[in-house]
Amino acid sequence: MKRIGVFTSGGDAPGMNACIRAVVRAAVYHGVEVYGIVRGYSGMIKGEMVKLDSASVSNTVQRGGTILKSARSQKFMTKEGRQQAFEQLSSHGIEGLVAIGGNGTFTGATLFEQEFGIPTVGAPGTIDNDLFGTDYTIGYDTAVNTALDCIDKIRDTADSHDRCFFVEVMGRDSGYIAIPCAIGGGAEIVIVPETAMSVEAVIESLQASYSRHKTSFIVIVAEGEEEGNVHTIARRVKEAIPQLDTRVTIVGHIQRGGSPTAADRLLASQLGIAAVEGLLNGMKNVMAGIVDRKLMYTPFNDTITKRKVINQSFMRMVEILSV
């Protein structure tokens, strides 16, 4: 393999640039040319590709976002769109791909290889940490620390005014961001999609604490919670406990931005190199990840179809520490 392409797709995550940098420099190290594909599958279809070298990725390891941009492509979901993408890759002499993204990215890569034979090795780039086959995803550690910083500040206000704050954090349909934020931020309650905690249970817990003269509370809500969005949950609690002074804060997309933590820079660099070397060793349709501190390659089919299980001991920690 003499020439490969690298792209980012789906939601941006801190550390994507560190991963791009690692891919480029690993390719150069192994004597392989590398092209950056701008705006993911959309740019692949349009032929938006630029040759990269070591200098191209200088001073990027600490930058948030993605220098290659990211976009979602409806056209790539069609056979015609994938045909155009293949023709563009062929015209640039690109023989394999490194995809930095999540489930949707890997689903597209799997179909693309089946139809046109272009092999892809993935690196898990998402703040949600919901991909099977890796203990941590690129951007997750930074997102947790960003959200935790916000929660620390909210805690000051909650304590000063004797208020109950309902704080929504990101994570799509996963509680991986919410749970460490609850433990690290001293929250009284965490509501995540993986558990069956009802609003009634939240009300009962808050009433019990209020009766013990506790006056300020933090309730962390994962954005994909089935009981409803954070405003709905806060409203129902207020109706049941009218004496409780409630407020809602949505941390939002600041969790996706910012300079990546040391942990994310290290992970992104490790997985970027692993993706390139996996590709050069003949691998395809696999994701590079770290499991129990060891480098592992997991088939895309497993990352897409298997669900990553929340550590229930963390939920027990929240219960014990909120007493």
C-alpha atoms as a PDB file:
ATOM      1  CA  MET A   1       0.000   0.000   0.000  1.00  0.00           C
ATOM      2  CA  LYS A   2       1.568   3.250  -1.179  1.00  0.00           C
ATOM      3  CA  ARG A   3      -1.119   5.861  -0.518  1.00  0.00           C
ATOM      4  CA  ILE A   4      -3.863   6.127   2.108  1.00  0.00           C
ATOM      5  CA  GLY A   5      -6.531   8.640   3.062  1.00  0.00           C
ATOM      6  CA  VAL A   6      -7.645   9.886   6.464  1.00  0.00           C
ATOM      7  CA  PHE A   7     -10.910  11.595   7.361  1.00  0.00           C
ATOM      8  CA  THR A   8     -13.060  12.589  10.321  1.00  0.00           C
ATOM      9  CA  SER A   9     -16.780  12.006  10.319  1.00  0.00           C
ATOM     10  CA  GLY A  10     -19.781  12.542  12.578  1.00  0.00           C
ATOM     11  CA  GLY A  11     -19.604  14.753  15.662  1.00  0.00           C
ATOM     12  CA  ASP A  12     -16.273  16.425  16.362  1.00  0.00           C
ATOM     13  CA  ALA A  13     -14.342  15.405  19.472  1.00  0.00           C
ATOM     14  CA  PRO A  14     -11.292  16.844  21.252  1.00  0.00           C
ATOM     15  CA  GLY A  15      -8.253  14.835  20.196  1.00  0.00           C
ATOM     16  CA  MET A  16      -9.282  14.281  16.585  1.00  0.00           C
ATOM     17  CA  ASN A  17      -6.438  16.541  15.457  1.00  0.00           C
ATOM     18  CA  ALA A  18      -3.975  14.600  17.588  1.00  0.00           C
ATOM     19  CA  CYS A  19      -5.203  11.435  15.871  1.00  0.00           C
ATOM     20  CA  ILE A  20      -4.896  12.966  12.395  1.00  0.00           C
ATOM     21  CA  ARG A  21      -1.359  14.044  13.286  1.00  0.00           C
ATOM     22  CA  ALA A  22      -0.482  10.524  14.408  1.00  0.00           C
ATOM     23  CA  VAL A  23      -1.936   8.999  11.239  1.00  0.00           C
ATOM     24  CA  VAL A  24       0.045  11.351   9.019  1.00  0.00           C
ATOM     25  CA  ARG A  25       3.328  10.891  10.841  1.00  0.00           C
ATOM     26  CA  ALA A  26       2.918   7.120  11.114  1.00  0.00           C
ATOM     27  CA  ALA A  27       2.288   6.978   7.361  1.00  0.00           C
ATOM     28  CA  VAL A  28       5.367   9.110   6.670  1.00  0.00           C
ATOM     29  CA  TYR A  29       7.398   6.935   9.035  1.00  0.00           C
ATOM     30  CA  HIS A  30       6.411   3.851   7.028  1.00  0.00           C
ATOM     31  CA  GLY A  31       7.063   5.518   3.671  1.00  0.00           C
ATOM     32  CA  VAL A  32       3.401   5.846   2.720  1.00  0.00           C
ATOM     33  CA  GLU A  33       1.782   8.932   1.201  1.00  0.00           C
ATOM     34  CA  VAL A  34      -1.299  10.240   2.977  1.00  0.00           C
ATOM     35  CA  TYR A  35      -4.157  12.444   1.811  1.00  0.00           C
ATOM     36  CA  GLY A  36      -6.534  14.283   4.080  1.00  0.00           C
ATOM     37  CA  ILE A  37     -10.162  14.012   2.971  1.00  0.00           C
ATOM     38  CA  VAL A  38     -12.026  17.176   3.923  1.00  0.00           C
ATOM     39  CA  ARG A  39     -15.560  16.990   5.365  1.00  0.00           C
ATOM     40  CA  GLY A  40     -15.765  13.219   5.670  1.00  0.00           C
ATOM     41  CA  TYR A  41     -17.778  11.206   3.201  1.00  0.00           C
ATOM     42  CA  SER A  42     -19.188  14.377   1.670  1.00  0.00           C
ATOM     43  CA  GLY A  43     -15.704  15.537   0.733  1.00  0.00           C
ATOM     44  CA  MET A  44     -14.815  12.054  -0.490  1.00  0.00           C
ATOM     45  CA  ILE A  45     -17.659  12.216  -2.984  1.00  0.00           C
ATOM     46  CA  LYS A  46     -16.614  15.699  -4.144  1.00  0.00           C
ATOM     47  CA  GLY A  47     -12.912  14.921  -4.308  1.00  0.00           C
ATOM     48  CA  GLU A  48     -11.948  17.400  -1.583  1.00  0.00           C
ATOM     49  CA  MET A  49      -8.560  15.871  -0.812  1.00  0.00           C
ATOM     50  CA  VAL A  50      -5.219  17.395   0.088  1.00  0.00           C
ATOM     51  CA  LYS A  51      -1.819  15.767   0.375  1.00  0.00           C
ATOM     52  CA  LEU A  52      -0.452  15.916   3.916  1.00  0.00           C
ATOM     53  CA  ASP A  53       3.056  15.642   5.303  1.00  0.00           C
ATOM     54  CA  SER A  54       4.667  16.033   8.723  1.00  0.00           C
ATOM     55  CA  ALA A  55       4.707  19.822   8.446  1.00  0.00           C
ATOM     56  CA  SER A  56       0.997  19.865   7.593  1.00  0.00           C
ATOM     57  CA  VAL A  57       0.113  18.633  11.071  1.00  0.00           C
ATOM     58  CA  SER A  58       2.628  20.642  13.095  1.00  0.00           C
ATOM     59  CA  ASN A  59       1.146  22.505  16.063  1.00  0.00           C
ATOM     60  CA  THR A  60      -2.146  20.578  15.938  1.00  0.00           C
ATOM     61  CA  VAL A  61      -1.856  18.066  18.800  1.00  0.00           C
ATOM     62  CA  GLN A  62      -3.303  20.595  21.264  1.00  0.00           C
ATOM     63  CA  ARG A  63      -6.085  21.958  19.041  1.00  0.00           C
ATOM     64  CA  GLY A  64      -9.734  21.078  19.482  1.00  0.00           C
ATOM     65  CA  GLY A  65     -12.114  20.345  16.633  1.00  0.00           C
ATOM     66  CA  THR A  66     -10.815  18.791  13.435  1.00  0.00           C
ATOM     67  CA  ILE A  67      -8.604  20.431  10.817  1.00  0.00           C
ATOM     68  CA  LEU A  68     -10.176  18.139   8.221  1.00  0.00           C
ATOM     69  CA  LYS A  69     -13.692  19.343   9.132  1.00  0.00           C
ATOM     70  CA  SER A  70     -16.609  16.982   9.576  1.00  0.00           C
ATOM     71  CA  ALA A  71     -19.968  16.560   7.898  1.00  0.00           C
ATOM     72  CA  ARG A  72     -22.784  14.060   7.585  1.00  0.00           C
ATOM     73  CA  SER A  73     -23.494  12.835   4.069  1.00  0.00           C
ATOM     74  CA  GLN A  74     -26.901  11.619   2.968  1.00  0.00           C
ATOM     75  CA  LYS A  75     -25.535  11.066  -0.521  1.00  0.00           C
ATOM     76  CA  PHE A  76     -22.979   8.511   0.699  1.00  0.00           C
ATOM     77  CA  MET A  77     -25.911   6.432   1.912  1.00  0.00           C
ATOM     78  CA  THR A  78     -26.821   5.852  -1.745  1.00  0.00           C
ATOM     79  CA  LYS A  79     -25.065   3.484  -4.158  1.00  0.00           C
ATOM     80  CA  GLU A  80     -24.546   6.379  -6.557  1.00  0.00           C
ATOM     81  CA  GLY A  81     -22.806   8.430  -3.857  1.00  0.00           C
ATOM     82  CA  ARG A  82     -20.495   5.576  -2.908  1.00  0.00           C
ATOM     83  CA  GLN A  83     -19.669   5.014  -6.579  1.00  0.00           C
ATOM     84  CA  GLN A  84     -18.628   8.653  -6.890  1.00  0.00           C
ATOM     85  CA  ALA A  85     -16.527   8.377  -3.727  1.00  0.00           C
ATOM     86  CA  PHE A  86     -14.768   5.298  -5.116  1.00  0.00           C
ATOM     87  CA  GLU A  87     -14.017   7.062  -8.380  1.00  0.00           C
ATOM     88  CA  GLN A  88     -12.528  10.018  -6.524  1.00  0.00           C
ATOM     89  CA  LEU A  89     -10.339   7.782  -4.356  1.00  0.00           C
ATOM     90  CA  SER A  90      -9.202   5.859  -7.431  1.00  0.00           C
ATOM     91  CA  SER A  91      -8.293   9.038  -9.284  1.00  0.00           C
ATOM     92  CA  HIS A  92      -6.097  10.048  -6.334  1.00  0.00           C
ATOM     93  CA  GLY A  93      -4.520   6.589  -6.090  1.00  0.00           C
ATOM     94  CA  ILE A  94      -5.806   6.022  -2.559  1.00  0.00           C
ATOM     95  CA  GLU A  95      -5.746   2.343  -1.620  1.00  0.00           C
ATOM     96  CA  GLY A  96      -6.965   2.373   1.996  1.00  0.00           C
ATOM     97  CA  LEU A  97      -8.616   4.613   4.561  1.00  0.00           C
ATOM     98  CA  VAL A  98      -8.309   5.587   8.207  1.00  0.00           C
ATOM     99  CA  ALA A  99     -11.707   6.709   9.518  1.00  0.00           C
ATOM    100  CA  ILE A 100     -11.906   8.697  12.744  1.00  0.00           C
ATOM    101  CA  GLY A 101     -15.494   8.627  13.981  1.00  0.00           C
ATOM    102  CA  GLY A 102     -18.228   6.463  15.435  1.00  0.00           C
ATOM    103  CA  ASN A 103     -20.945   3.966  14.535  1.00  0.00           C
ATOM    104  CA  GLY A 104     -22.282   5.788  11.506  1.00  0.00           C
ATOM    105  CA  THR A 105     -18.791   6.272  10.116  1.00  0.00           C
ATOM    106  CA  PHE A 106     -17.936   2.595  10.512  1.00  0.00           C
ATOM    107  CA  THR A 107     -21.265   1.462   9.055  1.00  0.00           C
ATOM    108  CA  GLY A 108     -20.542   3.455   5.913  1.00  0.00           C
ATOM    109  CA  ALA A 109     -16.979   2.129   5.707  1.00  0.00           C
ATOM    110  CA  THR A 110     -18.170  -1.476   5.990  1.00  0.00           C
ATOM    111  CA  LEU A 111     -20.639  -1.087   3.127  1.00  0.00           C
ATOM    112  CA  PHE A 112     -18.044   0.771   1.059  1.00  0.00           C
ATOM    113  CA  GLU A 113     -15.497  -2.043   1.392  1.00  0.00           C
ATOM    114  CA  GLN A 114     -18.070  -4.689   0.546  1.00  0.00           C
ATOM    115  CA  GLU A 115     -19.023  -2.897  -2.657  1.00  0.00           C
ATOM    116  CA  PHE A 116     -15.690  -1.500  -3.836  1.00  0.00           C
ATOM    117  CA  GLY A 117     -12.967  -3.257  -1.878  1.00  0.00           C
ATOM    118  CA  ILE A 118     -11.443  -0.168  -0.229  1.00  0.00           C
ATOM    119  CA  PRO A 119     -10.222  -1.329   3.211  1.00  0.00           C
ATOM    120  CA  THR A 120     -10.749   0.889   6.252  1.00  0.00           C
ATOM    121  CA  VAL A 121      -9.365   0.811   9.779  1.00  0.00           C
ATOM    122  CA  GLY A 122     -11.143   3.032  12.286  1.00  0.00           C
ATOM    123  CA  ALA A 123     -10.161   5.074  15.298  1.00  0.00           C
ATOM    124  CA  PRO A 124     -12.991   5.749  17.792  1.00  0.00           C
ATOM    125  CA  GLY A 125     -13.590   9.495  17.780  1.00  0.00           C
ATOM    126  CA  THR A 126     -16.626  10.446  19.871  1.00  0.00           C
ATOM    127  CA  ILE A 127     -17.158  12.105  23.243  1.00  0.00           C
ATOM    128  CA  ASP A 128     -19.949   9.623  24.063  1.00  0.00           C
ATOM    129  CA  ASN A 129     -17.620   6.675  24.837  1.00  0.00           C
ATOM    130  CA  ASP A 130     -20.353   4.340  23.646  1.00  0.00           C
ATOM    131  CA  LEU A 131     -18.377   2.215  21.176  1.00  0.00           C
ATOM    132  CA  PHE A 132     -17.894  -1.465  21.910  1.00  0.00           C
ATOM    133  CA  GLY A 133     -14.256  -2.539  21.571  1.00  0.00           C
ATOM    134  CA  THR A 134     -12.475   0.191  23.492  1.00  0.00           C
ATOM    135  CA  ASP A 135     -12.496   1.285  27.119  1.00  0.00           C
ATOM    136  CA  TYR A 136     -12.255   4.938  26.119  1.00  0.00           C
ATOM    137  CA  THR A 137     -12.950   6.890  22.953  1.00  0.00           C
ATOM    138  CA  ILE A 138     -11.060   9.923  21.694  1.00  0.00           C
ATOM    139  CA  GLY A 139     -12.591  13.068  23.223  1.00  0.00           C
ATOM    140  CA  TYR A 140     -14.356  11.402  26.124  1.00  0.00           C
ATOM    141  CA  ASP A 141     -11.926  12.390  28.864  1.00  0.00           C
ATOM    142  CA  THR A 142     -11.932  16.014  27.735  1.00  0.00           C
ATOM    143  CA  ALA A 143     -15.730  16.126  27.554  1.00  0.00           C
ATOM    144  CA  VAL A 144     -16.069  14.758  31.089  1.00  0.00           C
ATOM    145  CA  ASN A 145     -13.604  17.291  32.453  1.00  0.00           C
ATOM    146  CA  THR A 146     -15.332  20.148  30.621  1.00  0.00           C
ATOM    147  CA  ALA A 147     -18.723  19.140  32.004  1.00  0.00           C
ATOM    148  CA  LEU A 148     -17.274  18.614  35.471  1.00  0.00           C
ATOM    149  CA  ASP A 149     -15.806  22.118  35.484  1.00  0.00           C
ATOM    150  CA  CYS A 150     -19.272  23.500  34.728  1.00  0.00           C
ATOM    151  CA  ILE A 151     -20.853  21.378  37.458  1.00  0.00           C
ATOM    152  CA  ASP A 152     -18.318  22.610  40.020  1.00  0.00           C
ATOM    153  CA  LYS A 153     -19.357  26.191  39.263  1.00  0.00           C
ATOM    154  CA  ILE A 154     -23.046  25.319  39.395  1.00  0.00           C
ATOM    155  CA  ARG A 155     -22.492  23.648  42.767  1.00  0.00           C
ATOM    156  CA  ASP A 156     -21.264  26.977  44.168  1.00  0.00           C
ATOM    157  CA  THR A 157     -24.467  28.696  43.090  1.00  0.00           C
ATOM    158  CA  ALA A 158     -26.686  25.841  44.243  1.00  0.00           C
ATOM    159  CA  ASP A 159     -25.115  25.981  47.688  1.00  0.00           C
ATOM    160  CA  SER A 160     -25.276  29.780  47.926  1.00  0.00           C
ATOM    161  CA  HIS A 161     -28.975  29.942  47.055  1.00  0.00           C
ATOM    162  CA  ASP A 162     -30.230  26.607  48.437  1.00  0.00           C
ATOM    163  CA  ARG A 163     -31.298  25.432  45.005  1.00  0.00           C
ATOM    164  CA  CYS A 164     -31.749  22.185  43.150  1.00  0.00           C
ATOM    165  CA  PHE A 165     -30.018  22.242  39.775  1.00  0.00           C
ATOM    166  CA  PHE A 166     -30.884  19.788  37.032  1.00  0.00           C
ATOM    167  CA  VAL A 167     -27.825  19.607  34.768  1.00  0.00           C
ATOM    168  CA  GLU A 168     -28.039  17.942  31.370  1.00  0.00           C
ATOM    169  CA  VAL A 169     -24.836  16.552  29.891  1.00  0.00           C
ATOM    170  CA  MET A 170     -24.256  15.001  26.472  1.00  0.00           C
ATOM    171  CA  GLY A 171     -23.801  11.346  25.640  1.00  0.00           C
ATOM    172  CA  ARG A 172     -26.536  10.611  23.092  1.00  0.00           C
ATOM    173  CA  ASP A 173     -28.191   7.462  24.514  1.00  0.00           C
ATOM    174  CA  SER A 174     -25.375   6.662  26.930  1.00  0.00           C
ATOM    175  CA  GLY A 175     -24.647   7.613  30.532  1.00  0.00           C
ATOM    176  CA  TYR A 176     -20.879   7.424  30.195  1.00  0.00           C
ATOM    177  CA  ILE A 177     -20.426  11.180  30.587  1.00  0.00           C
ATOM    178  CA  ALA A 178     -23.143  11.608  33.200  1.00  0.00           C
ATOM    179  CA  ILE A 179     -21.926   8.986  35.683  1.00  0.00           C
ATOM    180  CA  PRO A 180     -18.323  10.184  36.218  1.00  0.00           C
ATOM    181  CA  CYS A 181     -19.641  13.748  36.340  1.00  0.00           C
ATOM    182  CA  ALA A 182     -22.054  12.710  39.090  1.00  0.00           C
ATOM    183  CA  ILE A 183     -19.316  11.012  41.104  1.00  0.00           C
ATOM    184  CA  GLY A 184     -16.682  13.695  40.563  1.00  0.00           C
ATOM    185  CA  GLY A 185     -19.145  16.560  40.932  1.00  0.00           C
ATOM    186  CA  GLY A 186     -20.760  15.293  44.120  1.00  0.00           C
ATOM    187  CA  ALA A 187     -24.215  15.011  42.579  1.00  0.00           C
ATOM    188  CA  GLU A 188     -27.050  13.614  44.656  1.00  0.00           C
ATOM    189  CA  ILE A 189     -28.728  11.830  41.743  1.00  0.00           C
ATOM    190  CA  VAL A 190     -27.785  10.753  38.228  1.00  0.00           C
ATOM    191  CA  ILE A 191     -30.385   9.783  35.624  1.00  0.00           C
ATOM    192  CA  VAL A 192     -29.095   7.764  32.674  1.00  0.00           C
ATOM    193  CA  PRO A 193     -30.719   5.687  29.905  1.00  0.00           C
ATOM    194  CA  GLU A 194     -29.094   2.453  31.123  1.00  0.00           C
ATOM    195  CA  THR A 195     -31.025   2.389  34.392  1.00  0.00           C
ATOM    196  CA  ALA A 196     -34.728   2.309  35.161  1.00  0.00           C
ATOM    197  CA  MET A 197     -34.825   5.257  37.558  1.00  0.00           C
ATOM    198  CA  SER A 198     -38.214   6.935  37.289  1.00  0.00           C
ATOM    199  CA  VAL A 199     -39.048  10.554  38.016  1.00  0.00           C
ATOM    200  CA  GLU A 200     -41.090   9.273  40.964  1.00  0.00           C
ATOM    201  CA  ALA A 201     -37.921   7.718  42.403  1.00  0.00           C
ATOM    202  CA  VAL A 202     -36.092  11.023  41.930  1.00  0.00           C
ATOM    203  CA  ILE A 203     -38.892  12.857  43.736  1.00  0.00           C
ATOM    204  CA  GLU A 204     -38.850  10.363  46.595  1.00  0.00           C
ATOM    205  CA  SER A 205     -35.079  10.689  46.989  1.00  0.00           C
ATOM    206  CA  LEU A 206     -35.155  14.487  46.950  1.00  0.00           C
ATOM    207  CA  GLN A 207     -38.042  14.597  49.427  1.00  0.00           C
ATOM    208  CA  ALA A 208     -36.137  12.319  51.811  1.00  0.00           C
ATOM    209  CA  SER A 209     -33.028  14.510  51.598  1.00  0.00           C
ATOM    210  CA  TYR A 210     -35.060  17.702  51.971  1.00  0.00           C
ATOM    211  CA  SER A 211     -36.703  16.300  55.104  1.00  0.00           C
ATOM    212  CA  ARG A 212     -33.189  15.807  56.527  1.00  0.00           C
ATOM    213  CA  HIS A 213     -32.636  19.555  56.051  1.00  0.00           C
ATOM    214  CA  LYS A 214     -30.416  19.218  53.004  1.00  0.00           C
ATOM    215  CA  THR A 215     -30.938  22.413  51.044  1.00  0.00           C
ATOM    216  CA  SER A 216     -28.947  22.207  47.815  1.00  0.00           C
ATOM    217  CA  PHE A 217     -28.882  19.460  45.184  1.00  0.00           C
ATOM    218  CA  ILE A 218     -27.297  18.564  41.868  1.00  0.00           C
ATOM    219  CA  VAL A 219     -29.167  16.138  39.621  1.00  0.00           C
ATOM    220  CA  ILE A 220     -27.245  15.029  36.524  1.00  0.00           C
ATOM    221  CA  VAL A 221     -29.376  14.012  33.532  1.00  0.00           C
ATOM    222  CA  ALA A 222     -27.992  12.282  30.424  1.00  0.00           C
ATOM    223  CA  GLU A 223     -29.475  13.814  27.278  1.00  0.00           C
ATOM    224  CA  GLY A 224     -30.893  10.513  26.007  1.00  0.00           C
ATOM    225  CA  GLU A 225     -32.845   9.756  29.174  1.00  0.00           C
ATOM    226  CA  GLU A 226     -36.128   7.976  28.392  1.00  0.00           C
ATOM    227  CA  GLU A 227     -38.054   9.723  31.175  1.00  0.00           C
ATOM    228  CA  GLY A 228     -37.905  12.920  29.132  1.00  0.00           C
ATOM    229  CA  ASN A 229     -35.613  15.867  28.661  1.00  0.00           C
ATOM    230  CA  VAL A 230     -34.154  17.779  31.562  1.00  0.00           C
ATOM    231  CA  HIS A 231     -36.867  20.472  31.473  1.00  0.00           C
ATOM    232  CA  THR A 232     -39.624  17.861  31.685  1.00  0.00           C
ATOM    233  CA  ILE A 233     -37.991  16.118  34.633  1.00  0.00           C
ATOM    234  CA  ALA A 234     -37.371  19.393  36.473  1.00  0.00           C
ATOM    235  CA  ARG A 235     -40.976  20.499  35.929  1.00  0.00           C
ATOM    236  CA  ARG A 236     -42.388  17.247  37.301  1.00  0.00           C
ATOM    237  CA  VAL A 237     -40.152  17.463  40.362  1.00  0.00           C
ATOM    238  CA  LYS A 238     -41.195  21.073  40.965  1.00  0.00           C
ATOM    239  CA  GLU A 239     -44.859  20.095  40.772  1.00  0.00           C
ATOM    240  CA  ALA A 240     -44.314  17.374  43.365  1.00  0.00           C
ATOM    241  CA  ILE A 241     -42.059  19.447  45.662  1.00  0.00           C
ATOM    242  CA  PRO A 242     -43.158  23.066  45.162  1.00  0.00           C
ATOM    243  CA  GLN A 243     -40.981  24.328  48.025  1.00  0.00           C
ATOM    244  CA  LEU A 244     -37.869  23.240  46.113  1.00  0.00           C
ATOM    245  CA  ASP A 245     -36.187  26.086  44.220  1.00  0.00           C
ATOM    246  CA  THR A 246     -35.271  24.431  40.908  1.00  0.00           C
ATOM    247  CA  ARG A 247     -33.106  25.523  37.997  1.00  0.00           C
ATOM    248  CA  VAL A 248     -32.056  23.844  34.738  1.00  0.00           C
ATOM    249  CA  THR A 249     -28.673  24.052  33.032  1.00  0.00           C
ATOM    250  CA  ILE A 250     -27.785  22.392  29.732  1.00  0.00           C
ATOM    251  CA  VAL A 251     -24.027  22.086  29.361  1.00  0.00           C
ATOM    252  CA  GLY A 252     -24.385  21.488  25.627  1.00  0.00           C
ATOM    253  CA  HIS A 253     -21.835  21.593  22.842  1.00  0.00           C
ATOM    254  CA  ILE A 254     -18.998  23.129  24.828  1.00  0.00           C
ATOM    255  CA  GLN A 255     -18.341  19.489  25.772  1.00  0.00           C
ATOM    256  CA  ARG A 256     -17.256  18.846  22.198  1.00  0.00           C
ATOM    257  CA  GLY A 257     -14.753  21.667  21.988  1.00  0.00           C
ATOM    258  CA  GLY A 258     -11.587  22.824  23.654  1.00  0.00           C
ATOM    259  CA  SER A 259      -8.024  21.644  23.904  1.00  0.00           C
ATOM    260  CA  PRO A 260      -7.835  17.871  24.562  1.00  0.00           C
ATOM    261  CA  THR A 261      -6.567  16.588  27.888  1.00  0.00           C
ATOM    262  CA  ALA A 262      -3.264  14.745  28.158  1.00  0.00           C
ATOM    263  CA  ALA A 263      -5.184  11.456  28.310  1.00  0.00           C
ATOM    264  CA  ASP A 264      -7.006  12.203  25.049  1.00  0.00           C
ATOM    265  CA  ARG A 265      -3.819  13.312  23.284  1.00  0.00           C
ATOM    266  CA  LEU A 266      -2.083  10.108  24.306  1.00  0.00           C
ATOM    267  CA  LEU A 267      -5.030   7.891  23.327  1.00  0.00           C
ATOM    268  CA  ALA A 268      -5.511   9.654  19.991  1.00  0.00           C
ATOM    269  CA  SER A 269      -1.816   9.334  19.149  1.00  0.00           C
ATOM    270  CA  GLN A 270      -1.724   5.660  20.083  1.00  0.00           C
ATOM    271  CA  LEU A 271      -4.838   4.796  18.065  1.00  0.00           C
ATOM    272  CA  GLY A 272      -3.802   6.869  15.061  1.00  0.00           C
ATOM    273  CA  ILE A 273      -0.552   4.922  14.769  1.00  0.00           C
ATOM    274  CA  ALA A 274      -2.387   1.640  15.375  1.00  0.00           C
ATOM    275  CA  ALA A 275      -4.903   2.415  12.619  1.00  0.00           C
ATOM    276  CA  VAL A 276      -2.181   3.037  10.044  1.00  0.00           C
ATOM    277  CA  GLU A 277      -0.179  -0.027  11.023  1.00  0.00           C
ATOM    278  CA  GLY A 278      -3.308  -2.168  11.027  1.00  0.00           C
ATOM    279  CA  LEU A 279      -4.112  -0.980   7.507  1.00  0.00           C
ATOM    280  CA  LEU A 280      -0.559  -1.687   6.302  1.00  0.00           C
ATOM    281  CA  ASN A 281      -0.770  -5.157   7.836  1.00  0.00           C
ATOM    282  CA  GLY A 282      -3.786  -6.031   5.723  1.00  0.00           C
ATOM    283  CA  MET A 283      -6.574  -5.364   8.210  1.00  0.00           C
ATOM    284  CA  LYS A 284      -9.946  -4.058   7.089  1.00  0.00           C
ATOM    285  CA  ASN A 285     -13.290  -3.199   8.648  1.00  0.00           C
ATOM    286  CA  VAL A 286     -11.833  -3.086  12.155  1.00  0.00           C
ATOM    287  CA  MET A 287     -11.529  -0.408  14.828  1.00  0.00           C
ATOM    288  CA  ALA A 288      -8.375   0.128  16.860  1.00  0.00           C
ATOM    289  CA  GLY A 289      -9.118   0.447  20.573  1.00  0.00           C
ATOM    290  CA  ILE A 290      -7.680  -0.008  24.038  1.00  0.00           C
ATOM    291  CA  VAL A 291      -9.168  -2.746  26.219  1.00  0.00           C
ATOM    292  CA  ASP A 292      -7.656  -3.414  29.645  1.00  0.00           C
ATOM    293  CA  ARG A 293      -4.680  -1.256  28.608  1.00  0.00           C
ATOM    294  CA  LYS A 294      -3.973  -3.428  25.584  1.00  0.00           C
ATOM    295  CA  LEU A 295      -4.299  -2.516  21.918  1.00  0.00           C
ATOM    296  CA  MET A 296      -7.141  -4.447  20.299  1.00  0.00           C
ATOM    297  CA  TYR A 297      -8.722  -4.499  16.840  1.00  0.00           C
ATOM    298  CA  THR A 298     -12.479  -5.050  16.923  1.00  0.00           C
ATOM    299  CA  PRO A 299     -14.559  -5.804  13.797  1.00  0.00           C
ATOM    300  CA  PHE A 300     -16.773  -2.914  12.753  1.00  0.00           C
ATOM    301  CA  ASN A 301     -19.759  -5.237  12.940  1.00  0.00           C
ATOM    302  CA  ASP A 302     -19.156  -5.690  16.668  1.00  0.00           C
ATOM    303  CA  THR A 303     -18.634  -1.987  17.335  1.00  0.00           C
ATOM    304  CA  ILE A 304     -21.893  -1.264  15.514  1.00  0.00           C
ATOM    305  CA  THR A 305     -24.111  -4.028  16.913  1.00  0.00           C
ATOM    306  CA  LYS A 306     -22.809  -4.749  20.419  1.00  0.00           C
ATOM    307  CA  ARG A 307     -23.726  -2.503  23.319  1.00  0.00           C
ATOM    308  CA  LYS A 308     -21.117  -1.247  25.735  1.00  0.00           C
ATOM    309  CA  VAL A 309     -22.261  -1.983  29.291  1.00  0.00           C
ATOM    310  CA  ILE A 310     -22.136   0.598  32.073  1.00  0.00           C
ATOM    311  CA  ASN A 311     -20.116  -0.432  35.125  1.00  0.00           C
ATOM    312  CA  GLN A 312     -22.834  -0.915  37.747  1.00  0.00           C
ATOM    313  CA  SER A 313     -20.351  -0.375  40.564  1.00  0.00           C
ATOM    314  CA  PHE A 314     -20.234   3.278  39.504  1.00  0.00           C
ATOM    315  CA  MET A 315     -23.988   3.580  39.980  1.00  0.00           C
ATOM    316  CA  ARG A 316     -23.590   2.099  43.453  1.00  0.00           C
ATOM    317  CA  MET A 317     -20.886   4.675  44.158  1.00  0.00           C
ATOM    318  CA  VAL A 318     -23.314   7.486  43.334  1.00  0.00           C
ATOM    319  CA  GLU A 319     -25.882   5.995  45.742  1.00  0.00           C
ATOM    320  CA  ILE A 320     -23.368   5.606  48.584  1.00  0.00           C
ATOM    321  CA  LEU A 321     -21.706   8.996  48.145  1.00  0.00           C
ATOM    322  CA  SER A 322     -25.006  10.898  47.952  1.00  0.00           C
ATOM    323  CA  VAL A 323     -26.110   9.874  51.464  1.00  0.00           C
END
